[in-house]
N, C-alpha and C. Protein backbone atom coordinates (compact mmCIF):
# COMPACT_ATOMS: atom_id res chain seq x y z
N MET A 1 22.03 -50.26 16.18
CA MET A 1 21.43 -49.02 15.17
C MET A 1 22.19 -49.16 13.61
N VAL A 2 21.57 -49.02 12.59
CA VAL A 2 21.91 -49.19 11.45
C VAL A 2 22.29 -47.64 10.92
N ILE A 3 23.17 -46.84 10.42
CA ILE A 3 23.12 -45.92 9.83
C ILE A 3 23.75 -45.88 8.71
N ILE A 4 22.29 -45.16 7.43
CA ILE A 4 22.75 -45.10 6.32
C ILE A 4 23.33 -44.25 5.57
N MET A 5 24.27 -44.36 4.78
CA MET A 5 25.40 -43.27 4.27
C MET A 5 24.44 -42.57 3.05
N ASN A 6 24.12 -41.12 2.75
CA ASN A 6 23.66 -40.37 1.96
C ASN A 6 24.83 -39.68 1.04
N LYS A 7 25.08 -40.11 -0.47
CA LYS A 7 26.02 -39.62 -0.82
C LYS A 7 25.48 -38.38 -1.71
N HIS A 8 24.11 -37.70 -1.58
CA HIS A 8 23.50 -36.90 -2.10
C HIS A 8 23.62 -35.92 -0.95
N CYS A 9 23.61 -36.22 0.44
CA CYS A 9 23.39 -35.37 1.38
C CYS A 9 24.35 -34.13 1.85
N PHE A 10 23.96 -32.91 1.69
CA PHE A 10 24.68 -31.61 1.80
C PHE A 10 25.70 -31.93 3.20
N ASN A 11 26.91 -31.25 3.23
CA ASN A 11 27.22 -31.36 4.51
C ASN A 11 26.80 -30.77 5.69
N GLU A 12 27.32 -30.95 7.00
CA GLU A 12 26.67 -30.35 8.00
C GLU A 12 26.37 -29.03 7.98
N ALA A 13 27.40 -28.16 7.62
CA ALA A 13 27.41 -26.56 7.66
C ALA A 13 26.20 -25.90 6.74
N GLU A 14 25.98 -27.02 5.58
CA GLU A 14 25.65 -26.75 4.74
C GLU A 14 23.88 -26.59 4.88
N ARG A 15 23.61 -28.05 5.37
CA ARG A 15 22.69 -28.21 6.16
C ARG A 15 21.94 -27.12 7.32
N ARG A 16 22.87 -27.20 8.15
CA ARG A 16 22.43 -25.75 8.78
C ARG A 16 22.11 -24.46 8.72
N GLY A 17 22.89 -24.10 7.32
CA GLY A 17 22.21 -22.93 6.67
C GLY A 17 20.71 -23.18 6.06
N VAL A 18 20.55 -24.35 5.22
CA VAL A 18 19.34 -24.03 4.65
C VAL A 18 18.14 -24.25 5.72
N TYR A 19 18.39 -24.69 6.80
CA TYR A 19 17.17 -24.99 8.20
C TYR A 19 17.49 -23.50 8.45
N ARG A 20 18.27 -22.91 9.13
CA ARG A 20 18.59 -21.63 9.67
C ARG A 20 17.47 -20.57 8.65
N ALA A 21 17.72 -20.93 7.61
CA ALA A 21 17.05 -19.56 6.49
C ALA A 21 15.85 -20.05 6.95
N ILE A 22 15.53 -21.24 6.80
CA ILE A 22 13.69 -21.66 6.98
C ILE A 22 13.36 -20.95 8.01
N ALA A 23 14.09 -21.57 9.41
CA ALA A 23 13.20 -21.07 10.32
C ALA A 23 13.32 -19.58 10.90
N GLU A 24 14.32 -19.02 10.29
CA GLU A 24 14.40 -17.42 10.51
C GLU A 24 13.79 -16.59 9.39
N ARG A 25 13.25 -16.90 8.44
CA ARG A 25 12.16 -16.39 7.26
C ARG A 25 11.24 -15.56 8.12
N ARG A 26 10.85 -14.38 7.65
CA ARG A 26 10.04 -13.62 8.28
C ARG A 26 9.34 -12.91 7.26
N ASP A 27 8.10 -12.61 7.42
CA ASP A 27 6.96 -11.73 7.17
C ASP A 27 7.50 -10.49 7.07
N MET A 28 7.99 -9.87 6.64
CA MET A 28 8.62 -8.25 7.17
C MET A 28 7.65 -6.95 6.47
N ARG A 29 7.86 -5.77 7.58
CA ARG A 29 6.90 -5.18 7.31
C ARG A 29 7.90 -3.85 7.26
N HIS A 30 9.13 -3.95 8.26
CA HIS A 30 9.84 -2.84 8.66
C HIS A 30 11.19 -2.62 7.53
N PHE A 31 11.25 -1.77 6.75
CA PHE A 31 12.26 -1.73 5.94
C PHE A 31 13.34 -0.40 6.01
N LEU A 32 14.85 -0.68 5.80
CA LEU A 32 15.65 0.62 5.42
C LEU A 32 15.28 0.66 4.08
N SER A 33 15.82 2.18 3.58
CA SER A 33 15.43 2.30 2.18
C SER A 33 16.73 2.28 1.45
N ASP A 34 17.74 1.62 2.19
CA ASP A 34 18.98 1.62 1.18
C ASP A 34 18.73 0.53 0.26
N PRO A 35 19.40 0.67 -1.23
CA PRO A 35 19.28 -0.04 -2.54
C PRO A 35 19.58 -1.33 -1.98
N ILE A 36 19.45 -2.13 -3.02
CA ILE A 36 19.77 -3.63 -3.06
C ILE A 36 20.49 -3.63 -4.37
N ASP A 37 21.96 -4.33 -4.53
CA ASP A 37 23.28 -4.28 -5.22
C ASP A 37 22.29 -5.14 -6.53
N GLU A 38 22.45 -4.85 -7.61
CA GLU A 38 21.75 -5.63 -8.88
C GLU A 38 22.18 -7.18 -9.12
N THR A 39 23.55 -7.48 -8.35
CA THR A 39 24.00 -8.88 -8.63
C THR A 39 23.33 -9.34 -7.60
N VAL A 40 23.04 -8.76 -6.30
CA VAL A 40 22.09 -9.74 -5.64
C VAL A 40 20.71 -10.06 -6.10
N LEU A 41 20.29 -9.07 -6.43
CA LEU A 41 18.79 -8.63 -6.98
C LEU A 41 18.76 -10.00 -8.28
N ARG A 42 19.74 -9.84 -8.90
CA ARG A 42 19.97 -10.87 -9.73
C ARG A 42 19.77 -12.47 -9.43
N ARG A 43 20.80 -12.56 -8.82
CA ARG A 43 20.93 -14.08 -7.68
C ARG A 43 19.69 -14.26 -7.50
N LEU A 44 18.86 -13.46 -6.37
CA LEU A 44 17.58 -13.68 -5.75
C LEU A 44 16.63 -13.87 -6.82
N LEU A 45 16.52 -13.61 -7.90
CA LEU A 45 15.54 -13.69 -8.93
C LEU A 45 15.77 -15.29 -9.90
N GLU A 46 17.20 -15.70 -9.83
CA GLU A 46 17.39 -16.59 -10.34
C GLU A 46 16.95 -17.98 -9.69
N ALA A 47 17.00 -17.96 -8.10
CA ALA A 47 16.71 -18.75 -7.10
C ALA A 47 14.78 -19.12 -7.39
N ALA A 48 14.39 -17.60 -7.17
CA ALA A 48 13.01 -17.85 -7.65
C ALA A 48 12.72 -18.73 -9.23
N HIS A 49 13.52 -18.32 -10.17
CA HIS A 49 13.16 -18.85 -11.66
C HIS A 49 13.88 -20.39 -11.60
N GLN A 50 14.30 -20.99 -10.27
CA GLN A 50 14.75 -22.06 -10.26
C GLN A 50 13.63 -23.05 -9.29
N ALA A 51 12.50 -22.70 -9.02
CA ALA A 51 11.36 -23.42 -8.08
C ALA A 51 10.75 -24.58 -9.16
N GLY A 52 10.42 -25.46 -8.57
CA GLY A 52 9.55 -26.22 -9.26
C GLY A 52 7.97 -25.77 -9.95
N SER A 53 7.74 -26.27 -10.96
CA SER A 53 6.39 -25.77 -11.48
C SER A 53 5.69 -26.89 -12.38
N VAL A 54 4.61 -27.15 -12.03
CA VAL A 54 3.72 -28.13 -12.80
C VAL A 54 3.64 -28.13 -14.17
N GLY A 55 4.32 -29.14 -14.58
CA GLY A 55 4.11 -29.34 -16.08
C GLY A 55 5.62 -28.64 -16.82
N LEU A 56 6.46 -27.74 -15.84
CA LEU A 56 7.36 -26.92 -16.28
C LEU A 56 6.73 -25.89 -17.06
N MET A 57 5.83 -25.79 -16.51
CA MET A 57 5.20 -24.07 -17.06
C MET A 57 5.64 -22.97 -16.86
N GLN A 58 6.51 -22.66 -15.59
CA GLN A 58 7.26 -21.73 -15.09
C GLN A 58 6.07 -20.59 -15.05
N PRO A 59 4.84 -20.47 -14.60
CA PRO A 59 4.16 -19.16 -14.62
C PRO A 59 4.57 -18.13 -13.80
N TRP A 60 5.48 -17.95 -13.41
CA TRP A 60 5.93 -16.69 -12.55
C TRP A 60 6.33 -15.75 -13.73
N ARG A 61 5.87 -14.34 -13.52
CA ARG A 61 6.27 -13.07 -14.08
C ARG A 61 6.54 -12.02 -13.41
N PHE A 62 7.41 -11.23 -12.94
CA PHE A 62 7.76 -11.06 -11.70
C PHE A 62 8.00 -9.24 -12.89
N ILE A 63 7.46 -8.46 -12.25
CA ILE A 63 7.46 -7.06 -12.55
C ILE A 63 7.89 -5.90 -11.48
N ARG A 64 9.44 -5.70 -11.96
CA ARG A 64 9.97 -4.61 -11.15
C ARG A 64 9.60 -3.32 -10.77
N ILE A 65 9.13 -2.75 -9.90
CA ILE A 65 8.50 -1.05 -10.06
C ILE A 65 9.78 -0.31 -9.60
N THR A 66 10.30 0.48 -10.69
CA THR A 66 11.29 1.47 -10.46
C THR A 66 10.72 3.05 -10.33
N SER A 67 9.18 3.09 -10.44
CA SER A 67 8.85 4.21 -10.31
C SER A 67 8.05 4.82 -9.08
N THR A 68 8.38 5.81 -8.51
CA THR A 68 8.36 6.12 -7.20
C THR A 68 6.41 6.69 -7.37
N LYS A 69 6.34 7.05 -8.65
CA LYS A 69 4.74 7.26 -8.66
C LYS A 69 3.98 5.85 -8.82
N ARG A 70 4.48 4.92 -9.68
CA ARG A 70 3.67 3.93 -9.46
C ARG A 70 3.80 3.19 -8.02
N ARG A 71 4.90 3.20 -7.42
CA ARG A 71 4.48 2.83 -6.22
C ARG A 71 3.40 3.37 -5.18
N GLN A 72 3.50 4.76 -5.36
CA GLN A 72 2.59 5.35 -4.72
C GLN A 72 1.05 4.90 -5.00
N GLU A 73 1.09 4.58 -6.04
CA GLU A 73 -0.27 4.01 -6.75
C GLU A 73 -0.82 3.07 -6.19
N ILE A 74 0.41 2.08 -6.01
CA ILE A 74 0.37 0.60 -5.71
C ILE A 74 -0.17 0.74 -3.99
N GLN A 75 0.54 1.25 -3.41
CA GLN A 75 0.44 1.63 -1.77
C GLN A 75 -1.22 1.95 -1.92
N GLN A 76 -1.61 2.99 -2.86
CA GLN A 76 -2.96 3.31 -2.48
C GLN A 76 -4.18 2.43 -2.71
N LEU A 77 -3.62 1.78 -4.09
CA LEU A 77 -4.39 0.16 -3.62
C LEU A 77 -4.53 -0.51 -2.52
N VAL A 78 -3.39 -0.93 -2.19
CA VAL A 78 -3.19 -1.84 -0.85
C VAL A 78 -3.84 -0.94 0.50
N GLU A 79 -3.82 0.38 0.52
CA GLU A 79 -4.74 1.10 1.82
C GLU A 79 -6.13 1.41 1.56
N GLN A 80 -6.49 0.87 0.08
CA GLN A 80 -7.88 0.89 0.05
C GLN A 80 -8.60 -0.22 0.51
N GLU A 81 -7.72 -1.44 0.07
CA GLU A 81 -7.91 -2.68 0.81
C GLU A 81 -8.06 -3.26 2.16
N ARG A 82 -6.67 -2.27 2.71
CA ARG A 82 -6.73 -2.66 4.13
C ARG A 82 -7.84 -1.89 4.87
N ILE A 83 -8.64 -0.98 4.21
CA ILE A 83 -9.57 0.06 4.91
C ILE A 83 -10.79 -1.55 4.90
N GLN A 84 -11.12 -1.73 3.80
CA GLN A 84 -12.26 -2.49 3.45
C GLN A 84 -11.89 -4.19 4.46
N THR A 85 -10.70 -4.17 4.53
CA THR A 85 -10.75 -5.66 5.54
C THR A 85 -10.65 -5.28 6.94
N ALA A 86 -10.26 -4.14 7.33
CA ALA A 86 -10.58 -3.87 8.46
C ALA A 86 -12.34 -3.51 8.98
N LYS A 87 -13.19 -3.35 7.80
CA LYS A 87 -14.25 -3.34 8.25
C LYS A 87 -14.98 -4.64 8.25
N ALA A 88 -14.76 -5.28 7.53
CA ALA A 88 -14.74 -6.80 7.38
C ALA A 88 -14.48 -7.79 8.35
N LEU A 89 -13.73 -7.03 9.42
CA LEU A 89 -13.06 -8.34 10.58
C LEU A 89 -14.13 -7.53 11.92
N GLY A 90 -15.07 -6.48 12.00
CA GLY A 90 -15.92 -6.69 12.80
C GLY A 90 -15.19 -5.69 14.11
N LYS A 91 -15.54 -6.54 14.96
CA LYS A 91 -15.21 -6.27 16.23
C LYS A 91 -13.19 -6.07 16.41
N ARG A 92 -12.88 -6.87 15.69
CA ARG A 92 -11.28 -5.98 15.57
C ARG A 92 -11.03 -5.38 14.71
N GLU A 93 -12.01 -4.34 13.80
CA GLU A 93 -11.44 -3.38 12.77
C GLU A 93 -10.25 -2.40 13.68
N SER A 94 -10.51 -2.01 14.77
CA SER A 94 -9.64 -1.20 15.24
C SER A 94 -8.26 -1.51 15.54
N GLU A 95 -8.75 -2.73 16.23
CA GLU A 95 -7.23 -3.19 16.40
C GLU A 95 -6.00 -3.92 15.03
N PHE A 96 -7.26 -3.95 14.11
CA PHE A 96 -6.64 -4.50 12.68
C PHE A 96 -5.82 -2.91 12.02
N MET A 97 -6.56 -1.81 12.26
CA MET A 97 -5.78 -0.80 11.63
C MET A 97 -4.63 -0.17 12.23
N LYS A 98 -4.38 -0.91 13.70
CA LYS A 98 -3.27 -0.45 14.52
C LYS A 98 -1.96 -1.09 13.71
N LEU A 99 -2.22 -2.39 13.21
CA LEU A 99 -0.96 -3.32 12.40
C LEU A 99 -0.34 -2.73 11.16
N LYS A 100 0.76 -2.67 11.22
CA LYS A 100 1.58 -2.24 10.08
C LYS A 100 1.50 -3.45 8.88
N ILE A 101 1.08 -3.00 8.01
CA ILE A 101 0.71 -4.52 6.64
C ILE A 101 1.69 -4.54 5.82
N GLU A 102 2.68 -3.34 5.49
CA GLU A 102 3.19 -3.28 4.38
C GLU A 102 4.14 -2.41 4.40
N GLY A 103 5.22 -2.46 3.37
CA GLY A 103 6.29 -1.55 3.36
C GLY A 103 6.75 -1.05 2.06
N ILE A 104 5.45 -0.59 1.15
CA ILE A 104 5.94 -0.51 0.00
C ILE A 104 6.48 0.61 0.02
N LEU A 105 6.64 1.72 0.38
CA LEU A 105 7.25 2.78 0.23
C LEU A 105 8.91 3.24 0.75
N ASP A 106 8.64 1.89 1.68
CA ASP A 106 10.27 1.87 2.63
C ASP A 106 11.01 1.06 1.99
N CYS A 107 11.05 -0.03 1.36
CA CYS A 107 11.54 -1.46 0.94
C CYS A 107 12.67 -0.73 -0.38
N GLY A 108 13.67 -1.51 -0.69
CA GLY A 108 14.79 -0.81 -1.57
C GLY A 108 14.21 -1.14 -2.86
N GLU A 109 13.57 -2.73 -2.96
CA GLU A 109 13.10 -3.14 -4.40
C GLU A 109 11.76 -3.34 -3.82
N LEU A 110 10.56 -3.37 -5.26
CA LEU A 110 9.06 -3.55 -5.18
C LEU A 110 8.55 -4.44 -6.23
N LEU A 111 8.29 -5.52 -6.16
CA LEU A 111 8.11 -6.62 -7.42
C LEU A 111 6.83 -6.81 -7.10
N VAL A 112 6.20 -6.93 -8.45
CA VAL A 112 4.93 -7.38 -8.38
C VAL A 112 4.94 -8.93 -9.01
N VAL A 113 4.01 -9.73 -8.51
CA VAL A 113 4.14 -11.25 -8.92
C VAL A 113 2.68 -11.96 -9.71
N ALA A 114 2.80 -12.01 -10.87
CA ALA A 114 1.78 -12.08 -11.61
C ALA A 114 1.79 -13.32 -12.50
N LEU A 115 0.82 -14.03 -13.09
CA LEU A 115 0.72 -14.92 -13.79
C LEU A 115 -0.02 -14.54 -15.23
N PRO A 116 0.80 -15.62 -16.25
CA PRO A 116 0.84 -15.03 -17.36
C PRO A 116 -0.95 -15.02 -18.05
N ASP A 117 -1.12 -14.29 -19.19
CA ASP A 117 -2.27 -15.04 -20.09
C ASP A 117 -2.03 -16.26 -20.69
N LYS A 118 -3.14 -16.91 -21.35
CA LYS A 118 -2.96 -18.14 -21.93
C LYS A 118 -2.70 -19.38 -21.50
N ARG A 119 -2.59 -19.39 -20.04
CA ARG A 119 -2.59 -20.27 -19.09
C ARG A 119 -3.46 -21.37 -19.22
N GLU A 120 -4.45 -21.67 -19.86
CA GLU A 120 -5.56 -22.55 -20.17
C GLU A 120 -4.51 -23.64 -21.02
N SER A 121 -3.60 -23.30 -22.10
CA SER A 121 -2.90 -24.53 -22.66
C SER A 121 -1.85 -25.31 -22.02
N TYR A 122 -1.78 -24.98 -20.87
CA TYR A 122 -1.08 -25.95 -20.32
C TYR A 122 -2.07 -26.80 -19.24
N ILE A 123 -1.95 -27.90 -19.97
CA ILE A 123 -3.24 -28.90 -19.28
C ILE A 123 -2.23 -30.16 -18.44
N PHE A 124 -0.92 -30.31 -18.36
CA PHE A 124 -0.17 -31.22 -18.09
C PHE A 124 0.09 -30.83 -16.54
N GLY A 125 -0.77 -31.70 -15.63
CA GLY A 125 -0.71 -31.54 -14.11
C GLY A 125 -2.01 -30.74 -13.59
N ARG A 126 -2.70 -30.37 -14.78
CA ARG A 126 -3.35 -28.88 -14.09
C ARG A 126 -4.87 -29.54 -14.68
N ARG A 127 -5.13 -30.29 -15.50
CA ARG A 127 -6.46 -30.77 -15.81
C ARG A 127 -7.85 -30.79 -14.75
N THR A 128 -7.20 -31.13 -13.58
CA THR A 128 -8.04 -31.59 -12.55
C THR A 128 -7.76 -30.32 -11.22
N LEU A 129 -6.81 -29.83 -11.64
CA LEU A 129 -6.18 -29.02 -10.62
C LEU A 129 -5.34 -27.51 -11.09
N PRO A 130 -6.64 -26.85 -11.60
CA PRO A 130 -6.00 -25.52 -12.72
C PRO A 130 -4.97 -24.67 -11.93
N GLU A 131 -5.65 -24.88 -10.48
CA GLU A 131 -4.71 -23.80 -9.46
C GLU A 131 -3.25 -24.00 -8.91
N MET A 132 -2.84 -25.19 -9.65
CA MET A 132 -1.07 -25.68 -9.53
C MET A 132 -0.38 -24.73 -9.97
N ASP A 133 -0.99 -23.63 -11.11
CA ASP A 133 -0.11 -22.36 -11.55
C ASP A 133 0.12 -21.51 -10.32
N VAL A 134 -0.87 -21.31 -9.72
CA VAL A 134 -0.65 -20.12 -8.28
C VAL A 134 0.45 -21.13 -7.02
N ALA A 135 -0.31 -22.45 -7.27
CA ALA A 135 1.20 -23.34 -6.35
C ALA A 135 2.60 -23.14 -6.80
N SER A 136 2.87 -23.30 -8.38
CA SER A 136 4.04 -23.50 -8.60
C SER A 136 4.36 -21.93 -8.47
N CYS A 137 3.61 -20.83 -8.83
CA CYS A 137 4.32 -19.45 -8.52
C CYS A 137 4.83 -19.36 -7.12
N ALA A 138 4.00 -19.63 -5.91
CA ALA A 138 4.08 -19.41 -4.62
C ALA A 138 5.38 -19.73 -4.38
N CYS A 139 6.11 -21.36 -5.23
CA CYS A 139 7.05 -22.11 -4.68
C CYS A 139 8.23 -21.00 -5.23
N ALA A 140 8.16 -20.21 -6.17
CA ALA A 140 8.95 -19.28 -6.60
C ALA A 140 9.62 -18.01 -5.89
N ILE A 141 7.73 -17.85 -5.14
CA ILE A 141 8.30 -16.44 -4.14
C ILE A 141 9.05 -17.32 -2.83
N GLN A 142 8.80 -18.70 -2.43
CA GLN A 142 9.36 -19.09 -1.62
C GLN A 142 10.79 -19.07 -1.80
N ASN A 143 11.17 -19.63 -2.51
CA ASN A 143 12.98 -19.69 -3.29
C ASN A 143 13.16 -18.53 -2.66
N LEU A 144 12.65 -16.98 -3.71
CA LEU A 144 12.94 -15.73 -3.41
C LEU A 144 13.17 -15.47 -2.01
N TRP A 145 12.38 -15.85 -1.12
CA TRP A 145 12.21 -15.57 0.28
C TRP A 145 13.16 -15.89 0.94
N LEU A 146 13.27 -17.18 0.86
CA LEU A 146 14.81 -18.02 1.62
C LEU A 146 15.92 -17.22 1.29
N ALA A 147 16.14 -17.48 -0.18
CA ALA A 147 17.37 -16.69 -0.73
C ALA A 147 17.33 -15.43 0.07
N ALA A 148 16.58 -14.60 0.18
CA ALA A 148 16.87 -13.37 0.66
C ALA A 148 17.08 -13.19 2.35
N ARG A 149 16.49 -14.29 2.69
CA ARG A 149 17.36 -14.52 4.29
C ARG A 149 18.37 -14.57 4.19
N ALA A 150 18.76 -15.71 3.65
CA ALA A 150 20.43 -16.24 3.45
C ALA A 150 21.39 -14.91 2.95
N GLU A 151 20.96 -13.93 2.07
CA GLU A 151 21.70 -12.57 1.77
C GLU A 151 21.38 -11.69 2.46
N GLY A 152 20.58 -11.69 3.98
CA GLY A 152 20.40 -10.82 5.06
C GLY A 152 19.31 -9.97 4.80
N LEU A 153 18.55 -10.09 3.53
CA LEU A 153 17.52 -9.05 3.39
C LEU A 153 16.04 -9.92 3.95
N GLY A 154 15.33 -8.79 3.99
CA GLY A 154 13.99 -8.92 4.30
C GLY A 154 12.82 -8.93 2.97
N LEU A 155 12.08 -9.61 3.42
CA LEU A 155 10.63 -9.43 2.42
C LEU A 155 9.61 -9.98 3.01
N GLY A 156 8.67 -9.14 2.34
CA GLY A 156 6.92 -9.06 2.92
C GLY A 156 6.02 -9.34 1.42
N TRP A 157 5.39 -10.15 2.05
CA TRP A 157 4.34 -10.74 0.89
C TRP A 157 3.22 -9.60 1.46
N VAL A 158 2.52 -8.72 0.41
CA VAL A 158 1.42 -8.23 0.23
C VAL A 158 0.30 -8.79 -0.21
N SER A 159 -0.50 -9.01 0.37
CA SER A 159 -1.72 -9.61 -0.33
C SER A 159 -3.01 -8.77 -0.55
N MET A 160 -3.08 -7.67 0.34
CA MET A 160 -4.41 -6.90 0.64
C MET A 160 -4.61 -5.98 -0.44
N PHE A 161 -4.96 -6.50 -1.86
CA PHE A 161 -5.23 -5.22 -2.65
C PHE A 161 -5.86 -6.02 -3.67
N ASP A 162 -6.94 -5.29 -4.93
CA ASP A 162 -7.85 -5.89 -6.06
C ASP A 162 -7.08 -6.08 -7.27
N PRO A 163 -6.81 -7.47 -7.07
CA PRO A 163 -6.10 -8.05 -8.29
C PRO A 163 -6.25 -7.18 -9.89
N ASP A 164 -7.47 -7.32 -9.83
CA ASP A 164 -7.70 -6.56 -11.18
C ASP A 164 -7.43 -5.33 -11.33
N ALA A 165 -7.60 -4.40 -10.15
CA ALA A 165 -7.25 -3.02 -10.14
C ALA A 165 -5.70 -2.85 -10.45
N LEU A 166 -5.02 -3.70 -9.69
CA LEU A 166 -3.21 -3.71 -9.93
C LEU A 166 -2.82 -4.18 -11.33
N ALA A 167 -3.75 -4.98 -12.05
CA ALA A 167 -3.70 -5.57 -13.46
C ALA A 167 -3.79 -4.23 -14.22
N LYS A 168 -4.79 -3.73 -13.80
CA LYS A 168 -5.31 -2.34 -14.80
C LYS A 168 -4.08 -1.48 -14.77
N LEU A 169 -3.53 -1.19 -13.45
CA LEU A 169 -2.48 -0.23 -13.43
C LEU A 169 -1.40 -0.56 -13.87
N LEU A 170 -1.27 -1.96 -14.19
CA LEU A 170 0.39 -2.32 -14.73
C LEU A 170 0.16 -2.55 -16.32
N GLN A 171 -0.88 -2.23 -16.56
CA GLN A 171 -1.11 -2.49 -18.18
C GLN A 171 -1.35 -3.71 -18.46
N MET A 172 -1.72 -5.08 -17.44
CA MET A 172 -1.20 -6.46 -17.99
C MET A 172 -2.44 -6.62 -18.77
N PRO A 173 -2.12 -7.53 -19.86
CA PRO A 173 -3.09 -8.77 -20.63
C PRO A 173 -4.21 -9.22 -19.85
N ALA A 174 -5.39 -9.46 -20.94
CA ALA A 174 -6.72 -9.98 -20.34
C ALA A 174 -6.17 -11.44 -20.43
N GLY A 175 -6.78 -11.72 -19.07
CA GLY A 175 -6.42 -13.44 -18.59
C GLY A 175 -5.28 -13.35 -17.94
N SER A 176 -4.29 -12.50 -17.33
CA SER A 176 -3.01 -12.44 -16.61
C SER A 176 -3.57 -12.17 -15.43
N GLN A 177 -2.99 -12.45 -14.36
CA GLN A 177 -3.22 -12.33 -13.00
C GLN A 177 -2.38 -11.83 -12.13
N THR A 178 -2.59 -10.87 -11.55
CA THR A 178 -1.45 -10.48 -10.26
C THR A 178 -2.01 -11.53 -8.92
N ILE A 179 -1.12 -11.73 -8.10
CA ILE A 179 -1.13 -12.65 -7.34
C ILE A 179 -0.42 -12.09 -5.77
N ALA A 180 0.56 -11.35 -6.06
CA ALA A 180 1.65 -10.76 -4.98
C ALA A 180 2.32 -9.58 -5.31
N ILE A 181 2.44 -8.86 -4.25
CA ILE A 181 3.39 -7.40 -4.03
C ILE A 181 4.23 -7.96 -2.93
N LEU A 182 5.58 -7.77 -3.65
CA LEU A 182 6.64 -8.40 -3.02
C LEU A 182 7.27 -7.06 -2.49
N CYS A 183 7.52 -6.75 -0.88
CA CYS A 183 8.53 -5.83 -0.41
C CYS A 183 9.87 -6.17 -0.12
N LEU A 184 10.90 -6.17 -0.83
CA LEU A 184 12.59 -6.70 -0.61
C LEU A 184 13.46 -5.67 -0.14
N GLY A 185 13.65 -5.97 0.61
CA GLY A 185 14.88 -4.75 1.30
C GLY A 185 15.74 -4.99 2.70
N HIS A 186 16.91 -4.25 2.46
CA HIS A 186 17.30 -4.25 3.82
C HIS A 186 16.93 -3.58 5.34
N VAL A 187 16.72 -4.52 6.45
CA VAL A 187 16.33 -4.41 7.29
C VAL A 187 17.13 -4.32 9.06
N ASP A 188 16.44 -3.40 9.76
CA ASP A 188 17.35 -2.90 11.22
C ASP A 188 17.81 -4.47 11.33
N GLU A 189 16.13 -5.18 11.83
CA GLU A 189 16.46 -6.52 12.24
C GLU A 189 15.20 -7.49 12.19
N PHE A 190 15.75 -8.48 11.94
CA PHE A 190 14.79 -9.66 11.46
C PHE A 190 13.55 -9.74 12.97
N TYR A 191 12.42 -9.86 12.62
CA TYR A 191 11.39 -10.28 14.02
C TYR A 191 12.35 -11.69 14.72
N LYS A 192 11.93 -11.73 15.66
CA LYS A 192 12.43 -12.77 16.36
C LYS A 192 11.48 -14.18 16.45
N LYS A 193 10.04 -13.48 15.69
CA LYS A 193 9.30 -14.82 15.91
C LYS A 193 8.23 -13.93 14.78
N PRO A 194 7.38 -14.48 14.26
CA PRO A 194 6.28 -13.93 13.17
C PRO A 194 5.74 -12.74 14.01
N MET A 195 5.35 -11.28 13.53
CA MET A 195 5.07 -10.51 13.60
C MET A 195 3.71 -10.37 14.39
N LEU A 196 2.54 -11.10 13.72
CA LEU A 196 1.45 -11.42 13.94
C LEU A 196 1.51 -11.38 15.54
N GLU A 197 2.54 -12.41 15.67
CA GLU A 197 2.54 -13.40 17.10
C GLU A 197 3.08 -12.04 17.91
N ILE A 198 3.85 -11.52 17.57
CA ILE A 198 4.41 -10.07 18.45
C ILE A 198 3.54 -9.20 18.78
N GLU A 199 2.51 -9.16 17.77
CA GLU A 199 1.37 -8.24 17.79
C GLU A 199 0.32 -8.75 18.58
N ASN A 200 0.30 -10.00 19.37
CA ASN A 200 -0.89 -10.28 19.89
C ASN A 200 -2.38 -10.37 18.87
N TRP A 201 -1.64 -10.88 17.53
CA TRP A 201 -3.19 -10.80 16.64
C TRP A 201 -3.58 -12.43 16.69
N THR A 202 -2.45 -13.38 16.68
CA THR A 202 -2.56 -14.60 16.38
C THR A 202 -1.53 -15.25 17.16
N ASN A 203 -1.57 -16.84 16.98
CA ASN A 203 -0.33 -17.73 17.37
C ASN A 203 -0.19 -18.82 16.55
N SER A 204 1.04 -18.95 16.24
CA SER A 204 1.25 -20.12 15.50
C SER A 204 0.96 -21.27 16.48
N ARG A 205 0.73 -22.65 15.06
CA ARG A 205 0.21 -23.88 16.25
C ARG A 205 1.31 -25.37 16.30
N PRO A 206 1.38 -25.80 17.12
CA PRO A 206 2.44 -26.84 16.79
C PRO A 206 2.00 -27.98 15.69
N LEU A 207 3.27 -28.16 14.88
CA LEU A 207 3.17 -29.30 14.11
C LEU A 207 2.08 -30.33 13.93
N LYS A 208 2.25 -30.93 14.98
CA LYS A 208 1.17 -32.31 15.54
C LYS A 208 -0.16 -31.87 15.16
N GLU A 209 -0.71 -30.81 15.27
CA GLU A 209 -1.80 -30.78 15.02
C GLU A 209 -2.20 -30.61 13.24
N PHE A 210 -1.08 -31.05 12.56
CA PHE A 210 -1.23 -30.84 11.07
C PHE A 210 -0.65 -32.23 10.33
N ILE A 211 -0.29 -32.90 11.06
CA ILE A 211 -0.08 -34.27 10.68
C ILE A 211 -1.26 -35.66 10.81
N PHE A 212 -1.49 -35.94 9.43
CA PHE A 212 -2.76 -36.92 9.76
C PHE A 212 -2.12 -38.51 9.15
N GLU A 213 -2.78 -39.35 9.79
CA GLU A 213 -2.25 -40.71 9.01
C GLU A 213 -3.59 -41.45 8.49
N ASN A 214 -3.31 -41.94 7.47
CA ASN A 214 -4.09 -42.81 6.61
C ASN A 214 -5.93 -41.73 6.49
N ASN A 215 -6.47 -41.34 7.04
CA ASN A 215 -7.63 -40.58 7.09
C ASN A 215 -7.30 -39.31 8.02
N TRP A 216 -8.41 -38.39 7.68
CA TRP A 216 -8.45 -37.05 8.22
C TRP A 216 -8.80 -37.12 9.38
N HIS A 217 -8.29 -36.46 10.58
CA HIS A 217 -8.71 -36.89 11.63
C HIS A 217 -8.69 -35.50 12.47
N GLU A 218 -9.79 -34.80 13.37
CA GLU A 218 -10.10 -33.63 13.81
C GLU A 218 -9.07 -33.67 15.02
């Protein structure tokens, strides 16, 4: 057996830390109201800003919600969509309504992630796949998520809202787009496994079902 040494590899403890953050990241819904240290928040946003982006367009914009009134307005928008989603689920409506889907009024920090206007000017890597701006922004969110876990903080990605209504509430320019509400904060404990598994809503599937070779296989 030939062992190839890689001079770029992190040491064992550092690698374990990276993989631990990935494995223990959770989409959190339960938060403590304790504030987040400003220095830590800055580190998290710096981590997000270091994400890869197509054509180096850096399409992410983070709107920090510090107004209690504005939090309440955002929570109301989410509640409206929660009710509509429940109705769309048919037989699972009552079951869905029992789930906690956000911690907007509880978390230490609330961030809205948005895409800016005038994105059509970025053609590099987007001519045939214009949605790569969303993919790039998702990379930034994931960076923030993993960094938050390493800092001992929970993050919950809320996607149940009318993006146009939220953009109007936040007085965003025409052509911009809201894509995520992020609840960030201290938690009493992290879920041992995804909350939707704990609540018996669904189950994750093994990796082998998602890897194909050469062609698409059912």
